[in-house]
Structure formats: structure tokens, C-alpha cells
Amino acid sequence: MHESDINGYHVHVYFDQSSIDFAVSSTEQPHEKFGYQLGKVNQKPVGPHPVLESTSFFQAS
């Protein structure tokens, strides 16, 4: 794979019910500053992710 084949990246923030407010604010605040795309905040396990999670997407430079 060549570098030019990479269009973007994504990260997951994992959390539990007791830390959901912190997880949401820790992704929304940088989003407001840097403008990356926020995904859903999944409040139940989804796909291969065994715990609650949120996804953020970044464009490759």
C-alpha cells in the first residue's frame, strides 16, 4: 500500500456509563477547535467493539 492510498484515519474513545460525560466532552472540545468529523456515541456495544465507544474521523493531509 502506498501513502497516497490512505484517505483518512479514525480513532475510538472507549468508556463506560460512569465516564460517558467525560468521553463526550473529550471528543467534542477538540472537534470544535480542529474541526474533525465526529461519529456516533454508541451507548451499547457495536460490531467488534465490546464496550461503549465513540468514533472520530480525520482526513489525511
N, C-alpha and C. Protein backbone atom coordinates (compact mmCIF):
# COMPACT_ATOMS: atom_id res chain seq x y z
N MET A 1 0.85 -1.18 0.00
CA MET A 1 0.00 0.00 0.00
C MET A 1 0.89 1.24 0.00
N HIS A 2 0.54 2.19 -0.82
CA HIS A 2 1.26 3.45 -0.89
C HIS A 2 0.62 4.47 0.02
N GLU A 3 1.41 5.45 0.47
CA GLU A 3 0.86 6.52 1.32
C GLU A 3 -0.34 7.19 0.67
N SER A 4 -0.31 7.33 -0.65
CA SER A 4 -1.41 8.01 -1.35
C SER A 4 -2.71 7.22 -1.27
N ASP A 5 -2.64 5.94 -0.88
CA ASP A 5 -3.84 5.12 -0.75
C ASP A 5 -4.61 5.41 0.53
N ILE A 6 -3.98 6.11 1.46
CA ILE A 6 -4.61 6.41 2.75
C ILE A 6 -5.36 7.72 2.65
N ASN A 7 -6.69 7.67 2.84
CA ASN A 7 -7.53 8.87 2.72
C ASN A 7 -7.84 9.51 4.05
N GLY A 8 -7.70 8.76 5.13
CA GLY A 8 -8.03 9.30 6.43
C GLY A 8 -7.78 8.28 7.52
N TYR A 9 -8.07 8.70 8.73
CA TYR A 9 -7.85 7.88 9.90
C TYR A 9 -9.07 8.00 10.81
N HIS A 10 -9.21 7.07 11.73
CA HIS A 10 -10.25 7.21 12.74
C HIS A 10 -9.72 6.68 14.07
N VAL A 11 -10.30 7.20 15.13
CA VAL A 11 -9.95 6.76 16.48
C VAL A 11 -11.23 6.44 17.24
N HIS A 12 -11.08 5.55 18.21
CA HIS A 12 -12.19 5.19 19.08
C HIS A 12 -11.85 5.63 20.50
N VAL A 13 -12.84 6.19 21.17
CA VAL A 13 -12.72 6.50 22.59
C VAL A 13 -13.67 5.55 23.30
N TYR A 14 -13.12 4.71 24.16
CA TYR A 14 -13.92 3.73 24.89
C TYR A 14 -14.26 4.27 26.27
N PHE A 15 -15.45 3.93 26.75
CA PHE A 15 -15.90 4.44 28.04
C PHE A 15 -16.95 3.51 28.62
N ASP A 16 -17.35 3.79 29.86
CA ASP A 16 -18.46 3.07 30.48
C ASP A 16 -19.50 4.10 30.91
N GLN A 17 -20.59 3.66 31.47
CA GLN A 17 -21.68 4.58 31.84
C GLN A 17 -21.21 5.66 32.80
N SER A 18 -20.27 5.34 33.68
CA SER A 18 -19.83 6.33 34.67
C SER A 18 -18.94 7.41 34.06
N SER A 19 -18.39 7.18 32.86
CA SER A 19 -17.49 8.16 32.26
C SER A 19 -17.99 8.72 30.93
N ILE A 20 -19.28 8.51 30.62
CA ILE A 20 -19.81 8.96 29.33
C ILE A 20 -19.71 10.47 29.15
N ASP A 21 -19.99 11.25 30.19
CA ASP A 21 -19.92 12.71 30.06
C ASP A 21 -18.50 13.16 29.74
N PHE A 22 -17.51 12.56 30.40
CA PHE A 22 -16.12 12.90 30.13
C PHE A 22 -15.74 12.47 28.71
N ALA A 23 -16.16 11.31 28.29
CA ALA A 23 -15.83 10.81 26.95
C ALA A 23 -16.39 11.74 25.88
N VAL A 24 -17.63 12.17 26.04
CA VAL A 24 -18.26 13.05 25.06
C VAL A 24 -17.55 14.40 25.03
N SER A 25 -17.28 14.99 26.18
CA SER A 25 -16.62 16.31 26.19
C SER A 25 -15.19 16.22 25.69
N SER A 26 -14.51 15.09 25.92
CA SER A 26 -13.12 14.97 25.47
C SER A 26 -13.02 14.81 23.96
N THR A 27 -14.11 14.47 23.29
CA THR A 27 -14.09 14.43 21.83
C THR A 27 -14.72 15.68 21.22
N GLU A 28 -15.71 16.27 21.87
CA GLU A 28 -16.37 17.45 21.31
C GLU A 28 -15.49 18.70 21.40
N GLN A 29 -14.76 18.87 22.48
CA GLN A 29 -13.93 20.08 22.62
C GLN A 29 -12.84 20.15 21.55
N PRO A 30 -12.06 19.10 21.31
CA PRO A 30 -11.08 19.18 20.21
C PRO A 30 -11.76 19.31 18.85
N HIS A 31 -12.93 18.68 18.68
CA HIS A 31 -13.66 18.81 17.41
C HIS A 31 -13.96 20.28 17.12
N GLU A 32 -14.41 21.02 18.13
CA GLU A 32 -14.72 22.44 17.94
C GLU A 32 -13.47 23.23 17.57
N LYS A 33 -12.33 22.84 18.10
CA LYS A 33 -11.08 23.55 17.81
C LYS A 33 -10.48 23.15 16.47
N PHE A 34 -10.48 21.85 16.15
CA PHE A 34 -9.76 21.36 14.97
C PHE A 34 -10.67 20.94 13.82
N GLY A 35 -11.96 20.78 14.07
CA GLY A 35 -12.92 20.55 13.00
C GLY A 35 -12.95 19.16 12.39
N TYR A 36 -12.49 18.16 13.10
CA TYR A 36 -12.61 16.81 12.54
C TYR A 36 -14.04 16.32 12.67
N GLN A 37 -14.35 15.23 11.99
CA GLN A 37 -15.72 14.71 11.96
C GLN A 37 -15.98 13.80 13.15
N LEU A 38 -17.04 14.09 13.86
CA LEU A 38 -17.45 13.24 14.98
C LEU A 38 -18.38 12.15 14.48
N GLY A 39 -18.19 10.95 14.99
CA GLY A 39 -19.11 9.86 14.71
C GLY A 39 -20.14 9.75 15.83
N LYS A 40 -20.86 8.64 15.82
CA LYS A 40 -21.86 8.40 16.85
C LYS A 40 -21.21 8.07 18.18
N VAL A 41 -21.92 8.39 19.24
CA VAL A 41 -21.57 7.91 20.57
C VAL A 41 -22.44 6.68 20.79
N ASN A 42 -21.82 5.52 20.77
CA ASN A 42 -22.55 4.27 20.90
C ASN A 42 -22.65 3.89 22.37
N GLN A 43 -23.87 3.91 22.88
CA GLN A 43 -24.10 3.63 24.29
C GLN A 43 -24.45 2.17 24.53
N LYS A 44 -24.03 1.32 23.58
CA LYS A 44 -24.09 -0.13 23.74
C LYS A 44 -23.01 -0.70 22.83
N PRO A 45 -22.52 -1.91 23.10
CA PRO A 45 -21.50 -2.50 22.23
C PRO A 45 -21.99 -2.60 20.78
N VAL A 46 -21.13 -2.27 19.82
CA VAL A 46 -21.47 -2.31 18.40
C VAL A 46 -20.33 -2.99 17.65
N GLY A 47 -20.68 -3.90 16.76
CA GLY A 47 -19.67 -4.58 15.93
C GLY A 47 -18.59 -5.23 16.77
N PRO A 48 -17.32 -5.01 16.40
CA PRO A 48 -16.24 -5.67 17.12
C PRO A 48 -15.87 -4.98 18.44
N HIS A 49 -16.54 -3.91 18.78
CA HIS A 49 -16.21 -3.15 19.98
C HIS A 49 -17.04 -3.67 21.15
N PRO A 50 -16.36 -4.27 22.14
CA PRO A 50 -17.09 -4.94 23.22
C PRO A 50 -17.63 -4.02 24.31
N VAL A 51 -17.32 -2.73 24.22
CA VAL A 51 -17.77 -1.78 25.23
C VAL A 51 -18.33 -0.54 24.54
N LEU A 52 -18.84 0.40 25.32
CA LEU A 52 -19.36 1.66 24.77
C LEU A 52 -18.21 2.42 24.13
N GLU A 53 -18.50 3.13 23.04
CA GLU A 53 -17.42 3.85 22.34
C GLU A 53 -17.96 4.98 21.49
N SER A 54 -17.03 5.86 21.13
CA SER A 54 -17.30 6.97 20.24
C SER A 54 -16.18 6.96 19.18
N THR A 55 -16.51 7.36 17.96
CA THR A 55 -15.52 7.37 16.88
C THR A 55 -15.35 8.77 16.34
N SER A 56 -14.12 9.15 16.02
CA SER A 56 -13.82 10.43 15.37
C SER A 56 -13.02 10.13 14.11
N PHE A 57 -13.25 10.93 13.07
CA PHE A 57 -12.62 10.72 11.77
C PHE A 57 -11.75 11.91 11.39
N PHE A 58 -10.59 11.62 10.80
CA PHE A 58 -9.63 12.65 10.40
C PHE A 58 -9.26 12.44 8.94
N GLN A 59 -9.14 13.52 8.18
CA GLN A 59 -8.69 13.44 6.79
C GLN A 59 -7.16 13.36 6.78
N ALA A 60 -6.63 12.59 5.82
CA ALA A 60 -5.18 12.53 5.64
C ALA A 60 -4.71 13.85 5.03
N SER A 61 -3.55 14.29 5.42
CA SER A 61 -3.01 15.55 4.88
C SER A 61 -2.28 15.29 3.58
